[in-house]
Amino acid sequence: METDIQSLERNRGHAFDVDGNELPVLRHATSTLARHQPIVLFELCPYLLEERGEAPRALTRLFIEHGYALYDERTLERLPGGDEELIRHIPAGGSVNVVAAVRLLRS
């Protein structure tokens, strides 16, 4: 049986762990996001972003502005309520793994 991560890899997905430096990495990859629309697995960790002077919403907005939807990494179900609700439900000092994709992951 194929795991969700194997499915991401098969569909040219990208996972990266840059410990709160997601925004600088993605800002340099906006043309790749627009042109190739890769599936991206990332850890949304508000406190690390804030420690680096970045707003957690800036990370989720970057994806949304490029036509991406956000999905739960475990279920691949679209995250309801938008990015602000997602961030609000992450406990202090916590994080959540998120999949960003332009196309629906589940029908």
PDB file of N, CA and C in Angstrom:
ATOM      1  N   MET A   1       0.844  -1.185   0.000  1.00  0.00           N
ATOM      2  CA  MET A   1       0.000   0.000   0.000  1.00  0.00           C
ATOM      3  C   MET A   1       0.887   1.245   0.000  1.00  0.00           C
ATOM      4  N   GLU A   2       0.537   2.199  -0.816  1.00  0.00           N
ATOM      5  CA  GLU A   2       1.309   3.420  -0.934  1.00  0.00           C
ATOM      6  C   GLU A   2       1.008   4.363   0.222  1.00  0.00           C
ATOM      7  N   THR A   3       2.046   4.907   0.848  1.00  0.00           N
ATOM      8  CA  THR A   3       1.839   5.875   1.920  1.00  0.00           C
ATOM      9  C   THR A   3       1.565   7.240   1.314  1.00  0.00           C
ATOM     10  N   ASP A   4       1.055   8.153   2.139  1.00  0.00           N
ATOM     11  CA  ASP A   4       0.789   9.506   1.653  1.00  0.00           C
ATOM     12  C   ASP A   4       2.071  10.175   1.172  1.00  0.00           C
ATOM     13  N   ILE A   5       3.181   9.956   1.874  1.00  0.00           N
ATOM     14  CA  ILE A   5       4.455  10.558   1.473  1.00  0.00           C
ATOM     15  C   ILE A   5       4.901   9.980   0.136  1.00  0.00           C
ATOM     16  N   GLN A   6       4.748   8.670  -0.064  1.00  0.00           N
ATOM     17  CA  GLN A   6       5.104   8.072  -1.356  1.00  0.00           C
ATOM     18  C   GLN A   6       4.236   8.659  -2.461  1.00  0.00           C
ATOM     19  N   SER A   7       2.969   8.916  -2.165  1.00  0.00           N
ATOM     20  CA  SER A   7       2.080   9.526  -3.138  1.00  0.00           C
ATOM     21  C   SER A   7       2.569  10.922  -3.506  1.00  0.00           C
ATOM     22  N   LEU A   8       3.002  11.690  -2.511  1.00  0.00           N
ATOM     23  CA  LEU A   8       3.537  13.023  -2.781  1.00  0.00           C
ATOM     24  C   LEU A   8       4.753  12.943  -3.692  1.00  0.00           C
ATOM     25  N   GLU A   9       5.661  12.012  -3.386  1.00  0.00           N
ATOM     26  CA  GLU A   9       6.866  11.874  -4.189  1.00  0.00           C
ATOM     27  C   GLU A   9       6.529  11.460  -5.623  1.00  0.00           C
ATOM     28  N   ARG A  10       5.590  10.538  -5.765  1.00  0.00           N
ATOM     29  CA  ARG A  10       5.195  10.074  -7.091  1.00  0.00           C
ATOM     30  C   ARG A  10       4.597  11.221  -7.906  1.00  0.00           C
ATOM     31  N   ASN A  11       3.926  12.134  -7.226  1.00  0.00           N
ATOM     32  CA  ASN A  11       3.293  13.268  -7.899  1.00  0.00           C
ATOM     33  C   ASN A  11       4.193  14.498  -7.915  1.00  0.00           C
ATOM     34  N   ARG A  12       5.489  14.270  -7.819  1.00  0.00           N
ATOM     35  CA  ARG A  12       6.479  15.354  -7.859  1.00  0.00           C
ATOM     36  C   ARG A  12       6.282  16.347  -6.727  1.00  0.00           C
ATOM     37  N   GLY A  13       6.047  15.819  -5.561  1.00  0.00           N
ATOM     38  CA  GLY A  13       5.918  16.667  -4.394  1.00  0.00           C
ATOM     39  C   GLY A  13       7.278  16.950  -3.788  1.00  0.00           C
ATOM     40  N   HIS A  14       7.331  17.975  -2.970  1.00  0.00           N
ATOM     41  CA  HIS A  14       8.565  18.364  -2.323  1.00  0.00           C
ATOM     42  C   HIS A  14       8.298  18.566  -0.842  1.00  0.00           C
ATOM     43  N   ALA A  15       9.136  17.974  -0.028  1.00  0.00           N
ATOM     44  CA  ALA A  15       9.077  18.181   1.405  1.00  0.00           C
ATOM     45  C   ALA A  15      10.366  18.875   1.811  1.00  0.00           C
ATOM     46  N   PHE A  16      10.263  19.838   2.690  1.00  0.00           N
ATOM     47  CA  PHE A  16      11.474  20.484   3.168  1.00  0.00           C
ATOM     48  C   PHE A  16      11.324  20.862   4.620  1.00  0.00           C
ATOM     49  N   ASP A  17      12.442  20.848   5.332  1.00  0.00           N
ATOM     50  CA  ASP A  17      12.471  21.179   6.752  1.00  0.00           C
ATOM     51  C   ASP A  17      13.588  22.194   6.938  1.00  0.00           C
ATOM     52  N   VAL A  18      13.210  23.457   7.035  1.00  0.00           N
ATOM     53  CA  VAL A  18      14.206  24.518   7.127  1.00  0.00           C
ATOM     54  C   VAL A  18      14.051  25.329   8.416  1.00  0.00           C
ATOM     55  N   ASP A  19      13.382  24.732   9.399  1.00  0.00           N
ATOM     56  CA  ASP A  19      13.306  25.279  10.757  1.00  0.00           C
ATOM     57  C   ASP A  19      12.953  26.759  10.836  1.00  0.00           C
ATOM     58  N   GLY A  20      11.810  27.124  10.289  1.00  0.00           N
ATOM     59  CA  GLY A  20      11.332  28.491  10.388  1.00  0.00           C
ATOM     60  C   GLY A  20      11.819  29.411   9.284  1.00  0.00           C
ATOM     61  N   ASN A  21      12.616  28.893   8.370  1.00  0.00           N
ATOM     62  CA  ASN A  21      13.121  29.706   7.257  1.00  0.00           C
ATOM     63  C   ASN A  21      12.345  29.446   5.966  1.00  0.00           C
ATOM     64  N   GLU A  22      11.122  28.963   6.089  1.00  0.00           N
ATOM     65  CA  GLU A  22      10.311  28.638   4.916  1.00  0.00           C
ATOM     66  C   GLU A  22      10.074  29.851   4.019  1.00  0.00           C
ATOM     67  N   LEU A  23       9.785  30.992   4.621  1.00  0.00           N
ATOM     68  CA  LEU A  23       9.479  32.171   3.796  1.00  0.00           C
ATOM     69  C   LEU A  23      10.651  32.611   2.930  1.00  0.00           C
ATOM     70  N   PRO A  24      11.862  32.746   3.458  1.00  0.00           N
ATOM     71  CA  PRO A  24      12.964  33.115   2.563  1.00  0.00           C
ATOM     72  C   PRO A  24      13.187  32.088   1.445  1.00  0.00           C
ATOM     73  N   VAL A  25      13.053  30.814   1.766  1.00  0.00           N
ATOM     74  CA  VAL A  25      13.227  29.772   0.748  1.00  0.00           C
ATOM     75  C   VAL A  25      12.153  29.904  -0.325  1.00  0.00           C
ATOM     76  N   LEU A  26      10.904  30.029   0.103  1.00  0.00           N
ATOM     77  CA  LEU A  26       9.796  30.097  -0.858  1.00  0.00           C
ATOM     78  C   LEU A  26       9.774  31.401  -1.646  1.00  0.00           C
ATOM     79  N   ARG A  27      10.209  32.481  -1.031  1.00  0.00           N
ATOM     80  CA  ARG A  27      10.262  33.753  -1.772  1.00  0.00           C
ATOM     81  C   ARG A  27      11.220  33.662  -2.955  1.00  0.00           C
ATOM     82  N   HIS A  28      12.241  32.827  -2.817  1.00  0.00           N
ATOM     83  CA  HIS A  28      13.170  32.625  -3.926  1.00  0.00           C
ATOM     84  C   HIS A  28      12.666  31.581  -4.923  1.00  0.00           C
ATOM     85  N   ALA A  29      11.546  30.950  -4.599  1.00  0.00           N
ATOM     86  CA  ALA A  29      11.018  29.890  -5.460  1.00  0.00           C
ATOM     87  C   ALA A  29       9.646  30.229  -6.031  1.00  0.00           C
ATOM     88  N   THR A  30       9.252  31.489  -5.996  1.00  0.00           N
ATOM     89  CA  THR A  30       7.903  31.827  -6.449  1.00  0.00           C
ATOM     90  C   THR A  30       7.690  31.512  -7.932  1.00  0.00           C
ATOM     91  N   SER A  31       8.719  31.651  -8.750  1.00  0.00           N
ATOM     92  CA  SER A  31       8.535  31.321 -10.170  1.00  0.00           C
ATOM     93  C   SER A  31       8.332  29.816 -10.344  1.00  0.00           C
ATOM     94  N   THR A  32       8.990  29.014  -9.521  1.00  0.00           N
ATOM     95  CA  THR A  32       8.797  27.562  -9.568  1.00  0.00           C
ATOM     96  C   THR A  32       7.387  27.207  -9.118  1.00  0.00           C
ATOM     97  N   LEU A  33       6.907  27.855  -8.060  1.00  0.00           N
ATOM     98  CA  LEU A  33       5.535  27.608  -7.599  1.00  0.00           C
ATOM     99  C   LEU A  33       4.536  27.951  -8.693  1.00  0.00           C
ATOM    100  N   ALA A  34       4.741  29.076  -9.350  1.00  0.00           N
ATOM    101  CA  ALA A  34       3.804  29.510 -10.389  1.00  0.00           C
ATOM    102  C   ALA A  34       3.874  28.624 -11.628  1.00  0.00           C
ATOM    103  N   ARG A  35       5.072  28.265 -12.034  1.00  0.00           N
ATOM    104  CA  ARG A  35       5.242  27.530 -13.292  1.00  0.00           C
ATOM    105  C   ARG A  35       4.945  26.041 -13.139  1.00  0.00           C
ATOM    106  N   HIS A  36       5.488  25.418 -12.109  1.00  0.00           N
ATOM    107  CA  HIS A  36       5.406  23.956 -11.988  1.00  0.00           C
ATOM    108  C   HIS A  36       4.341  23.471 -11.000  1.00  0.00           C
ATOM    109  N   GLN A  37       3.880  24.354 -10.141  1.00  0.00           N
ATOM    110  CA  GLN A  37       2.855  24.033  -9.147  1.00  0.00           C
ATOM    111  C   GLN A  37       3.127  22.719  -8.409  1.00  0.00           C
ATOM    112  N   PRO A  38       4.320  22.580  -7.826  1.00  0.00           N
ATOM    113  CA  PRO A  38       4.620  21.341  -7.109  1.00  0.00           C
ATOM    114  C   PRO A  38       3.772  21.208  -5.847  1.00  0.00           C
ATOM    115  N   ILE A  39       3.543  19.993  -5.444  1.00  0.00           N
ATOM    116  CA  ILE A  39       2.936  19.725  -4.139  1.00  0.00           C
ATOM    117  C   ILE A  39       4.041  19.934  -3.117  1.00  0.00           C
ATOM    118  N   VAL A  40       3.735  20.663  -2.042  1.00  0.00           N
ATOM    119  CA  VAL A  40       4.750  20.985  -1.040  1.00  0.00           C
ATOM    120  C   VAL A  40       4.273  20.538   0.337  1.00  0.00           C
ATOM    121  N   LEU A  41       5.109  19.787   1.019  1.00  0.00           N
ATOM    122  CA  LEU A  41       4.859  19.377   2.402  1.00  0.00           C
ATOM    123  C   LEU A  41       5.760  20.228   3.282  1.00  0.00           C
ATOM    124  N   PHE A  42       5.157  20.925   4.246  1.00  0.00           N
ATOM    125  CA  PHE A  42       5.954  21.768   5.133  1.00  0.00           C
ATOM    126  C   PHE A  42       5.387  21.746   6.541  1.00  0.00           C
ATOM    127  N   GLU A  43       6.221  22.117   7.501  1.00  0.00           N
ATOM    128  CA  GLU A  43       5.798  22.218   8.886  1.00  0.00           C
ATOM    129  C   GLU A  43       5.449  23.673   9.168  1.00  0.00           C
ATOM    130  N   LEU A  44       4.223  23.913   9.568  1.00  0.00           N
ATOM    131  CA  LEU A  44       3.784  25.250   9.952  1.00  0.00           C
ATOM    132  C   LEU A  44       4.012  25.389  11.448  1.00  0.00           C
ATOM    133  N   CYS A  45       5.019  26.148  11.783  1.00  0.00           N
ATOM    134  CA  CYS A  45       5.451  26.297  13.168  1.00  0.00           C
ATOM    135  C   CYS A  45       5.465  27.797  13.504  1.00  0.00           C
ATOM    136  N   PRO A  46       4.332  28.328  13.970  1.00  0.00           N
ATOM    137  CA  PRO A  46       4.222  29.769  14.188  1.00  0.00           C
ATOM    138  C   PRO A  46       5.319  30.376  15.058  1.00  0.00           C
ATOM    139  N   TYR A  47       5.696  29.703  16.145  1.00  0.00           N
ATOM    140  CA  TYR A  47       6.674  30.317  17.038  1.00  0.00           C
ATOM    141  C   TYR A  47       8.042  30.459  16.387  1.00  0.00           C
ATOM    142  N   LEU A  48       8.437  29.522  15.509  1.00  0.00           N
ATOM    143  CA  LEU A  48       9.720  29.662  14.820  1.00  0.00           C
ATOM    144  C   LEU A  48       9.682  30.811  13.818  1.00  0.00           C
ATOM    145  N   LEU A  49       8.570  30.943  13.106  1.00  0.00           N
ATOM    146  CA  LEU A  49       8.428  32.062  12.170  1.00  0.00           C
ATOM    147  C   LEU A  49       8.489  33.392  12.924  1.00  0.00           C
ATOM    148  N   GLU A  50       7.777  33.467  14.040  1.00  0.00           N
ATOM    149  CA  GLU A  50       7.767  34.700  14.828  1.00  0.00           C
ATOM    150  C   GLU A  50       9.141  35.025  15.384  1.00  0.00           C
ATOM    151  N   GLU A  51       9.912  34.000  15.799  1.00  0.00           N
ATOM    152  CA  GLU A  51      11.274  34.227  16.281  1.00  0.00           C
ATOM    153  C   GLU A  51      12.149  34.857  15.202  1.00  0.00           C
ATOM    154  N   ARG A  52      11.821  34.608  13.947  1.00  0.00           N
ATOM    155  CA  ARG A  52      12.593  35.148  12.823  1.00  0.00           C
ATOM    156  C   ARG A  52      11.975  36.432  12.260  1.00  0.00           C
ATOM    157  N   GLY A  53      10.985  36.967  12.989  1.00  0.00           N
ATOM    158  CA  GLY A  53      10.373  38.223  12.585  1.00  0.00           C
ATOM    159  C   GLY A  53       9.354  38.091  11.463  1.00  0.00           C
ATOM    160  N   GLU A  54       8.863  36.888  11.228  1.00  0.00           N
ATOM    161  CA  GLU A  54       7.888  36.642  10.162  1.00  0.00           C
ATOM    162  C   GLU A  54       6.531  36.317  10.773  1.00  0.00           C
ATOM    163  N   ALA A  55       5.480  36.748  10.114  1.00  0.00           N
ATOM    164  CA  ALA A  55       4.122  36.410  10.546  1.00  0.00           C
ATOM    165  C   ALA A  55       3.759  35.040   9.978  1.00  0.00           C
ATOM    166  N   PRO A  56       3.246  34.127  10.802  1.00  0.00           N
ATOM    167  CA  PRO A  56       2.850  32.807  10.291  1.00  0.00           C
ATOM    168  C   PRO A  56       1.883  32.910   9.115  1.00  0.00           C
ATOM    169  N   ARG A  57       1.012  33.897   9.150  1.00  0.00           N
ATOM    170  CA  ARG A  57       0.040  34.075   8.068  1.00  0.00           C
ATOM    171  C   ARG A  57       0.736  34.387   6.738  1.00  0.00           C
ATOM    172  N   ALA A  58       1.908  34.987   6.781  1.00  0.00           N
ATOM    173  CA  ALA A  58       2.634  35.298   5.545  1.00  0.00           C
ATOM    174  C   ALA A  58       2.994  34.020   4.788  1.00  0.00           C
ATOM    175  N   LEU A  59       3.303  32.960   5.524  1.00  0.00           N
ATOM    176  CA  LEU A  59       3.643  31.684   4.885  1.00  0.00           C
ATOM    177  C   LEU A  59       2.416  31.072   4.210  1.00  0.00           C
ATOM    178  N   THR A  60       1.324  30.993   4.920  1.00  0.00           N
ATOM    179  CA  THR A  60       0.123  30.403   4.328  1.00  0.00           C
ATOM    180  C   THR A  60      -0.411  31.280   3.190  1.00  0.00           C
ATOM    181  N   ARG A  61      -0.339  32.588   3.346  1.00  0.00           N
ATOM    182  CA  ARG A  61      -0.797  33.506   2.295  1.00  0.00           C
ATOM    183  C   ARG A  61       0.028  33.356   1.021  1.00  0.00           C
ATOM    184  N   LEU A  62       1.332  33.111   1.148  1.00  0.00           N
ATOM    185  CA  LEU A  62       2.178  32.947  -0.024  1.00  0.00           C
ATOM    186  C   LEU A  62       1.648  31.815  -0.895  1.00  0.00           C
ATOM    187  N   PHE A  63       1.295  30.707  -0.258  1.00  0.00           N
ATOM    188  CA  PHE A  63       0.732  29.592  -1.021  1.00  0.00           C
ATOM    189  C   PHE A  63      -0.626  29.951  -1.612  1.00  0.00           C
ATOM    190  N   ILE A  64      -1.503  30.523  -0.807  1.00  0.00           N
ATOM    191  CA  ILE A  64      -2.845  30.847  -1.266  1.00  0.00           C
ATOM    192  C   ILE A  64      -2.800  31.831  -2.436  1.00  0.00           C
ATOM    193  N   GLU A  65      -1.913  32.809  -2.364  1.00  0.00           N
ATOM    194  CA  GLU A  65      -1.788  33.787  -3.454  1.00  0.00           C
ATOM    195  C   GLU A  65      -1.295  33.152  -4.753  1.00  0.00           C
ATOM    196  N   HIS A  66      -0.673  31.980  -4.658  1.00  0.00           N
ATOM    197  CA  HIS A  66      -0.220  31.259  -5.849  1.00  0.00           C
ATOM    198  C   HIS A  66      -1.206  30.171  -6.266  1.00  0.00           C
ATOM    199  N   GLY A  67      -2.433  30.226  -5.732  1.00  0.00           N
ATOM    200  CA  GLY A  67      -3.484  29.305  -6.147  1.00  0.00           C
ATOM    201  C   GLY A  67      -3.498  27.978  -5.418  1.00  0.00           C
ATOM    202  N   TYR A  68      -2.754  27.872  -4.333  1.00  0.00           N
ATOM    203  CA  TYR A  68      -2.673  26.627  -3.574  1.00  0.00           C
ATOM    204  C   TYR A  68      -3.786  26.555  -2.538  1.00  0.00           C
ATOM    205  N   ALA A  69      -4.180  25.330  -2.211  1.00  0.00           N
ATOM    206  CA  ALA A  69      -5.046  25.050  -1.071  1.00  0.00           C
ATOM    207  C   ALA A  69      -4.184  24.312  -0.049  1.00  0.00           C
ATOM    208  N   LEU A  70      -4.610  24.345   1.204  1.00  0.00           N
ATOM    209  CA  LEU A  70      -3.855  23.705   2.281  1.00  0.00           C
ATOM    210  C   LEU A  70      -4.599  22.467   2.761  1.00  0.00           C
ATOM    211  N   TYR A  71      -3.836  21.386   2.962  1.00  0.00           N
ATOM    212  CA  TYR A  71      -4.406  20.088   3.327  1.00  0.00           C
ATOM    213  C   TYR A  71      -3.738  19.533   4.569  1.00  0.00           C
ATOM    214  N   ASP A  72      -4.494  18.754   5.335  1.00  0.00           N
ATOM    215  CA  ASP A  72      -3.957  18.028   6.482  1.00  0.00           C
ATOM    216  C   ASP A  72      -3.004  16.951   5.976  1.00  0.00           C
ATOM    217  N   GLU A  73      -1.802  16.928   6.504  1.00  0.00           N
ATOM    218  CA  GLU A  73      -0.783  15.978   6.051  1.00  0.00           C
ATOM    219  C   GLU A  73      -1.172  14.523   6.326  1.00  0.00           C
ATOM    220  N   ARG A  74      -1.906  14.273   7.394  1.00  0.00           N
ATOM    221  CA  ARG A  74      -2.260  12.898   7.748  1.00  0.00           C
ATOM    222  C   ARG A  74      -3.404  12.341   6.919  1.00  0.00           C
ATOM    223  N   THR A  75      -4.402  13.187   6.630  1.00  0.00           N
ATOM    224  CA  THR A  75      -5.612  12.696   5.957  1.00  0.00           C
ATOM    225  C   THR A  75      -5.706  13.151   4.498  1.00  0.00           C
ATOM    226  N   LEU A  76      -4.925  14.152   4.142  1.00  0.00           N
ATOM    227  CA  LEU A  76      -4.986  14.803   2.826  1.00  0.00           C
ATOM    228  C   LEU A  76      -6.353  15.431   2.564  1.00  0.00           C
ATOM    229  N   GLU A  77      -7.085  15.730   3.630  1.00  0.00           N
ATOM    230  CA  GLU A  77      -8.349  16.455   3.526  1.00  0.00           C
ATOM    231  C   GLU A  77      -8.041  17.950   3.552  1.00  0.00           C
ATOM    232  N   ARG A  78      -8.775  18.706   2.743  1.00  0.00           N
ATOM    233  CA  ARG A  78      -8.564  20.153   2.704  1.00  0.00           C
ATOM    234  C   ARG A  78      -8.857  20.741   4.074  1.00  0.00           C
ATOM    235  N   LEU A  79      -7.999  21.654   4.519  1.00  0.00           N
ATOM    236  CA  LEU A  79      -8.173  22.282   5.824  1.00  0.00           C
ATOM    237  C   LEU A  79      -9.265  23.340   5.726  1.00  0.00           C
ATOM    238  N   PRO A  80     -10.290  23.201   6.542  1.00  0.00           N
ATOM    239  CA  PRO A  80     -11.420  24.133   6.476  1.00  0.00           C
ATOM    240  C   PRO A  80     -11.114  25.441   7.198  1.00  0.00           C
ATOM    241  N   GLY A  81     -11.853  26.457   6.841  1.00  0.00           N
ATOM    242  CA  GLY A  81     -11.823  27.693   7.608  1.00  0.00           C
ATOM    243  C   GLY A  81     -10.716  28.660   7.253  1.00  0.00           C
ATOM    244  N   GLY A  82      -9.868  28.329   6.328  1.00  0.00           N
ATOM    245  CA  GLY A  82      -8.818  29.254   5.929  1.00  0.00           C
ATOM    246  C   GLY A  82      -7.601  29.216   6.812  1.00  0.00           C
ATOM    247  N   ASP A  83      -6.610  29.957   6.402  1.00  0.00           N
ATOM    248  CA  ASP A  83      -5.315  29.897   7.066  1.00  0.00           C
ATOM    249  C   ASP A  83      -5.333  30.498   8.468  1.00  0.00           C
ATOM    250  N   GLU A  84      -6.119  31.530   8.712  1.00  0.00           N
ATOM    251  CA  GLU A  84      -6.137  32.125  10.046  1.00  0.00           C
ATOM    252  C   GLU A  84      -6.677  31.156  11.084  1.00  0.00           C
ATOM    253  N   GLU A  85      -7.707  30.410  10.722  1.00  0.00           N
ATOM    254  CA  GLU A  85      -8.261  29.413  11.647  1.00  0.00           C
ATOM    255  C   GLU A  85      -7.239  28.314  11.914  1.00  0.00           C
ATOM    256  N   LEU A  86      -6.549  27.877  10.888  1.00  0.00           N
ATOM    257  CA  LEU A  86      -5.511  26.860  11.037  1.00  0.00           C
ATOM    258  C   LEU A  86      -4.462  27.323  12.031  1.00  0.00           C
ATOM    259  N   ILE A  87      -3.951  28.521  11.853  1.00  0.00           N
ATOM    260  CA  ILE A  87      -2.906  29.054  12.729  1.00  0.00           C
ATOM    261  C   ILE A  87      -3.424  29.192  14.150  1.00  0.00           C
ATOM    262  N   ARG A  88      -4.652  29.640  14.306  1.00  0.00           N
ATOM    263  CA  ARG A  88      -5.248  29.833  15.632  1.00  0.00           C
ATOM    264  C   ARG A  88      -5.352  28.517  16.406  1.00  0.00           C
ATOM    265  N   HIS A  89      -5.499  27.393  15.700  1.00  0.00           N
ATOM    266  CA  HIS A  89      -5.667  26.107  16.371  1.00  0.00           C
ATOM    267  C   HIS A  89      -4.348  25.398  16.681  1.00  0.00           C
ATOM    268  N   ILE A  90      -3.239  25.979  16.303  1.00  0.00           N
ATOM    269  CA  ILE A  90      -1.935  25.380  16.639  1.00  0.00           C
ATOM    270  C   ILE A  90      -1.580  25.829  18.048  1.00  0.00           C
ATOM    271  N   PRO A  91      -1.349  24.878  18.966  1.00  0.00           N
ATOM    272  CA  PRO A  91      -1.039  25.270  20.345  1.00  0.00           C
ATOM    273  C   PRO A  91       0.291  26.028  20.432  1.00  0.00           C
ATOM    274  N   ALA A  92       0.413  26.867  21.464  1.00  0.00           N
ATOM    275  CA  ALA A  92       1.649  27.618  21.683  1.00  0.00           C
ATOM    276  C   ALA A  92       2.833  26.649  21.727  1.00  0.00           C
ATOM    277  N   GLY A  93       3.861  26.961  20.973  1.00  0.00           N
ATOM    278  CA  GLY A  93       5.046  26.106  20.925  1.00  0.00           C
ATOM    279  C   GLY A  93       4.878  24.879  20.051  1.00  0.00           C
ATOM    280  N   GLY A  94       3.726  24.766  19.395  1.00  0.00           N
ATOM    281  CA  GLY A  94       3.449  23.588  18.576  1.00  0.00           C
ATOM    282  C   GLY A  94       3.595  23.862  17.093  1.00  0.00           C
ATOM    283  N   SER A  95       3.303  22.829  16.325  1.00  0.00           N
ATOM    284  CA  SER A  95       3.379  22.935  14.868  1.00  0.00           C
ATOM    285  C   SER A  95       2.431  21.919  14.251  1.00  0.00           C
ATOM    286  N   VAL A  96       2.238  22.043  12.957  1.00  0.00           N
ATOM    287  CA  VAL A  96       1.413  21.095  12.220  1.00  0.00           C
ATOM    288  C   VAL A  96       2.024  20.927  10.838  1.00  0.00           C
ATOM    289  N   ASN A  97       2.001  19.701  10.348  1.00  0.00           N
ATOM    290  CA  ASN A  97       2.468  19.440   8.989  1.00  0.00           C
ATOM    291  C   ASN A  97       1.324  19.703   8.023  1.00  0.00           C
ATOM    292  N   VAL A  98       1.631  20.445   6.965  1.00  0.00           N
ATOM    293  CA  VAL A  98       0.627  20.880   5.996  1.00  0.00           C
ATOM    294  C   VAL A  98       1.095  20.509   4.597  1.00  0.00           C
ATOM    295  N   VAL A  99       0.156  20.109   3.773  1.00  0.00           N
ATOM    296  CA  VAL A  99       0.426  19.881   2.361  1.00  0.00           C
ATOM    297  C   VAL A  99      -0.224  21.026   1.595  1.00  0.00           C
ATOM    298  N   ALA A 100       0.546  21.670   0.729  1.00  0.00           N
ATOM    299  CA  ALA A 100       0.023  22.725  -0.133  1.00  0.00           C
ATOM    300  C   ALA A 100      -0.016  22.176  -1.554  1.00  0.00           C
ATOM    301  N   ALA A 101      -1.177  22.291  -2.204  1.00  0.00           N
ATOM    302  CA  ALA A 101      -1.321  21.763  -3.562  1.00  0.00           C
ATOM    303  C   ALA A 101      -2.313  22.620  -4.335  1.00  0.00           C
ATOM    304  N   VAL A 102      -2.079  22.741  -5.634  1.00  0.00           N
ATOM    305  CA  VAL A 102      -2.990  23.497  -6.494  1.00  0.00           C
ATOM    306  C   VAL A 102      -4.172  22.624  -6.875  1.00  0.00           C
ATOM    307  N   ARG A 103      -3.917  21.371  -7.186  1.00  0.00           N
ATOM    308  CA  ARG A 103      -4.983  20.441  -7.583  1.00  0.00           C
ATOM    309  C   ARG A 103      -5.516  19.694  -6.366  1.00  0.00           C
ATOM    310  N   LEU A 104      -6.766  19.280  -6.446  1.00  0.00           N
ATOM    311  CA  LEU A 104      -7.364  18.508  -5.355  1.00  0.00           C
ATOM    312  C   LEU A 104      -6.564  17.252  -5.108  1.00  0.00           C
ATOM    313  N   LEU A 105      -6.323  16.932  -3.849  1.00  0.00           N
ATOM    314  CA  LEU A 105      -5.605  15.717  -3.503  1.00  0.00           C
ATOM    315  C   LEU A 105      -6.539  14.526  -3.361  1.00  0.00           C
ATOM    316  N   ARG A 106      -7.783  14.805  -3.020  1.00  0.00           N
ATOM    317  CA  ARG A 106      -8.804  13.757  -2.883  1.00  0.00           C
ATOM    318  C   ARG A 106     -10.074  14.244  -3.541  1.00  0.00           C
ATOM    319  N   SER A 107     -10.775  13.346  -4.180  1.00  0.00           N
ATOM    320  CA  SER A 107     -12.038  13.763  -4.809  1.00  0.00           C
ATOM    321  C   SER A 107     -13.218  13.510  -3.910  1.00  0.00           C
TER     322      SER A 107
END
